Amino acid sequence: MQPTFVLVHGAFANSFSFAPLQAELGLAGHRSVAVDLPGHGFAATYPRAYQMPQDPEGLATAPGVIKGVTLADNAAHLIGVL
């Protein structure tokens, strides 16, 4: 049985950044899965203040979607995926 490469992004990224690597791995006959950590990828959302027209006061107070997400949350998510 061949291994599956599990690709996990760092801060300020998402699973989409692994697309070129996954293509190359696939061409070499390897399986891979790219995981989005909580608040990243399709789960990323932006407060209304971030959209045009921007609201500077709202930008200063609107929490990001990953506010409160901890390393333990990321580890638990990855364990759930595995």
Protein backbone atom coordinates (compact mmCIF):
# COMPACT_ATOMS: atom_id res chain seq x y z
CA MET A 1 0.00 0.00 0.00
CA GLN A 2 1.38 3.38 -1.00
CA PRO A 3 1.46 6.21 1.53
CA THR A 4 -0.74 9.25 1.19
CA PHE A 5 1.01 12.59 1.59
CA VAL A 6 -0.93 14.88 3.94
CA LEU A 7 -0.15 18.53 3.18
CA VAL A 8 -0.86 21.13 5.85
CA HIS A 9 -0.39 24.85 5.19
CA GLY A 10 1.05 27.44 7.53
CA ALA A 11 -0.27 30.82 8.59
CA PHE A 12 -1.83 33.09 5.95
CA ALA A 13 -2.22 30.27 3.43
CA ASN A 14 -4.65 27.50 2.50
CA SER A 15 -4.77 24.15 0.78
CA PHE A 16 -4.99 25.77 -2.66
CA SER A 17 -1.29 26.65 -2.46
CA PHE A 18 -0.47 22.94 -2.76
CA ALA A 19 -2.16 22.48 -6.16
CA PRO A 20 1.10 22.48 -8.18
CA LEU A 21 2.76 20.07 -5.74
CA GLN A 22 -0.26 17.77 -5.77
CA ALA A 23 -0.20 17.73 -9.58
CA GLU A 24 3.46 16.69 -9.57
CA LEU A 25 2.88 14.08 -6.88
CA GLY A 26 0.00 12.66 -8.91
CA LEU A 27 2.14 12.51 -12.05
CA ALA A 28 4.73 10.57 -10.04
CA GLY A 29 2.04 8.10 -8.93
CA HIS A 30 1.61 9.37 -5.37
CA ARG A 31 -1.61 10.16 -3.51
CA SER A 32 -2.00 13.37 -1.54
CA VAL A 33 -4.57 15.36 0.36
CA ALA A 34 -4.27 19.05 1.21
CA VAL A 35 -6.00 20.05 4.43
CA ASP A 36 -7.45 23.47 5.21
CA LEU A 37 -7.07 24.43 8.84
CA PRO A 38 -10.07 26.05 10.60
CA GLY A 39 -10.88 29.47 9.15
CA HIS A 40 -8.87 28.93 5.96
CA GLY A 41 -9.78 27.93 2.40
CA PHE A 42 -13.50 27.61 1.76
CA ALA A 43 -14.15 28.18 5.48
CA ALA A 44 -12.56 31.64 5.32
CA THR A 45 -15.03 34.47 5.54
CA TYR A 46 -14.58 38.21 5.65
CA PRO A 47 -16.54 40.67 7.76
CA ARG A 48 -18.69 43.11 5.81
CA ALA A 49 -16.28 45.91 6.81
CA TYR A 50 -13.58 44.29 4.64
CA GLN A 51 -15.70 44.59 1.50
CA MET A 52 -16.09 47.65 -0.72
CA PRO A 53 -16.79 50.25 0.29
CA GLN A 54 -14.56 49.53 3.26
CA ASP A 55 -15.59 50.66 6.71
CA PRO A 56 -12.42 51.81 8.55
CA GLU A 57 -14.16 51.80 11.94
CA GLY A 58 -15.54 48.34 11.31
CA LEU A 59 -12.13 47.13 10.17
CA ALA A 60 -10.67 48.25 13.48
CA THR A 61 -13.21 46.29 15.53
CA ALA A 62 -14.42 43.36 13.39
CA PRO A 63 -12.79 40.10 14.49
CA GLY A 64 -11.31 37.85 11.84
CA VAL A 65 -12.76 34.40 11.28
CA ILE A 66 -9.77 32.76 12.96
CA LYS A 67 -9.99 34.82 16.12
CA GLY A 68 -9.85 32.40 19.03
CA VAL A 69 -8.64 29.44 16.95
CA THR A 70 -5.83 27.77 18.85
CA LEU A 71 -3.07 25.38 17.96
CA ALA A 72 -5.08 22.71 19.79
CA ASP A 73 -8.06 23.46 17.50
CA ASN A 74 -5.83 23.02 14.45
CA ALA A 75 -4.41 19.75 15.80
CA ALA A 76 -7.90 18.42 16.60
CA HIS A 77 -9.09 19.30 13.09
CA LEU A 78 -6.12 17.55 11.50
CA ILE A 79 -6.61 14.48 13.69
CA GLY A 80 -10.25 14.42 12.59
CA VAL A 81 -9.23 14.51 8.95
CA LEU A 82 -6.69 11.74 9.41
